[in-house]
Amino acid sequence: MSAEDKLSNKTEELGGKVKEGAGKATDDKDLEAEGKGDQAGANLKQAGEKIKDVFKS
């Protein structure tokens, strides 16, 4: 996993957490769900990159 990929995925995950928190704070269920979706997508990308790393070793 390249450093750029790690940073990009982590940034996406943190952005999702911010959206989720903003959604909770403003009682905006759509924004909260979008934030959770962003986090899930970032986590899947991170898992995929880790699997690639295992097979490269």
C-alpha atoms as a PDB file:
ATOM      1  CA  MET A   1       0.000   0.000   0.000  1.00  0.00           C
ATOM      2  CA  SER A   2       1.549   3.243  -1.062  1.00  0.00           C
ATOM      3  CA  ALA A   3       1.752   6.164   1.303  1.00  0.00           C
ATOM      4  CA  GLU A   4      -0.481   8.181  -1.030  1.00  0.00           C
ATOM      5  CA  ASP A   5      -3.176   5.495  -0.949  1.00  0.00           C
ATOM      6  CA  LYS A   6      -2.997   5.277   2.837  1.00  0.00           C
ATOM      7  CA  LEU A   7      -3.308   9.035   3.172  1.00  0.00           C
ATOM      8  CA  SER A   8      -6.140   9.237   0.665  1.00  0.00           C
ATOM      9  CA  ASN A   9      -8.118   6.457   2.357  1.00  0.00           C
ATOM     10  CA  LYS A  10      -7.542   7.912   5.817  1.00  0.00           C
ATOM     11  CA  THR A  11      -8.610  11.361   4.594  1.00  0.00           C
ATOM     12  CA  GLU A  12     -11.799   9.885   3.142  1.00  0.00           C
ATOM     13  CA  GLU A  13     -12.485   8.053   6.404  1.00  0.00           C
ATOM     14  CA  LEU A  14     -11.980  11.187   8.496  1.00  0.00           C
ATOM     15  CA  GLY A  15     -14.155  13.198   6.120  1.00  0.00           C
ATOM     16  CA  GLY A  16     -16.879  10.622   6.630  1.00  0.00           C
ATOM     17  CA  LYS A  17     -16.564  10.960  10.388  1.00  0.00           C
ATOM     18  CA  VAL A  18     -16.914  14.728  10.082  1.00  0.00           C
ATOM     19  CA  LYS A  19     -20.027  14.355   7.909  1.00  0.00           C
ATOM     20  CA  GLU A  20     -21.508  11.831  10.320  1.00  0.00           C
ATOM     21  CA  GLY A  21     -20.866  14.141  13.276  1.00  0.00           C
ATOM     22  CA  ALA A  22     -22.315  17.138  11.460  1.00  0.00           C
ATOM     23  CA  GLY A  23     -25.372  15.093  10.554  1.00  0.00           C
ATOM     24  CA  LYS A  24     -25.876  14.064  14.164  1.00  0.00           C
ATOM     25  CA  ALA A  25     -25.379  17.621  15.406  1.00  0.00           C
ATOM     26  CA  THR A  26     -27.899  19.076  12.954  1.00  0.00           C
ATOM     27  CA  ASP A  27     -30.259  16.082  13.044  1.00  0.00           C
ATOM     28  CA  ASP A  28     -29.676  15.572   9.304  1.00  0.00           C
ATOM     29  CA  LYS A  29     -30.114  11.831   8.837  1.00  0.00           C
ATOM     30  CA  ASP A  30     -29.083  11.968   5.154  1.00  0.00           C
ATOM     31  CA  LEU A  31     -25.763  13.652   5.938  1.00  0.00           C
ATOM     32  CA  GLU A  32     -25.156  11.235   8.791  1.00  0.00           C
ATOM     33  CA  ALA A  33     -25.802   8.253   6.502  1.00  0.00           C
ATOM     34  CA  GLU A  34     -23.559   9.721   3.799  1.00  0.00           C
ATOM     35  CA  GLY A  35     -20.766  10.058   6.351  1.00  0.00           C
ATOM     36  CA  LYS A  36     -21.169   6.444   7.438  1.00  0.00           C
ATOM     37  CA  GLY A  37     -21.098   5.385   3.781  1.00  0.00           C
ATOM     38  CA  ASP A  38     -17.900   7.329   3.155  1.00  0.00           C
ATOM     39  CA  GLN A  39     -16.276   5.635   6.133  1.00  0.00           C
ATOM     40  CA  ALA A  40     -17.357   2.184   4.970  1.00  0.00           C
ATOM     41  CA  GLY A  41     -15.990   2.826   1.485  1.00  0.00           C
ATOM     42  CA  ALA A  42     -12.659   3.996   2.855  1.00  0.00           C
ATOM     43  CA  ASN A  43     -12.425   0.977   5.133  1.00  0.00           C
ATOM     44  CA  LEU A  44     -13.072  -1.382   2.212  1.00  0.00           C
ATOM     45  CA  LYS A  45     -10.351   0.319   0.181  1.00  0.00           C
ATOM     46  CA  GLN A  46      -7.931  -0.014   3.081  1.00  0.00           C
ATOM     47  CA  ALA A  47      -8.747  -3.714   3.438  1.00  0.00           C
ATOM     48  CA  GLY A  48      -8.232  -4.262  -0.288  1.00  0.00           C
ATOM     49  CA  GLU A  49      -4.861  -2.539  -0.177  1.00  0.00           C
ATOM     50  CA  LYS A  50      -3.796  -4.670   2.798  1.00  0.00           C
ATOM     51  CA  ILE A  51      -4.715  -7.839   0.902  1.00  0.00           C
ATOM     52  CA  LYS A  52      -2.645  -6.655  -2.061  1.00  0.00           C
ATOM     53  CA  ASP A  53       0.287  -6.041   0.278  1.00  0.00           C
ATOM     54  CA  VAL A  54       0.072  -9.581   1.651  1.00  0.00           C
ATOM     55  CA  PHE A  55       0.305 -11.101  -1.826  1.00  0.00           C
ATOM     56  CA  LYS A  56       3.187  -8.820  -2.842  1.00  0.00           C
ATOM     57  CA  SER A  57       5.324 -10.070   0.064  1.00  0.00           C
END
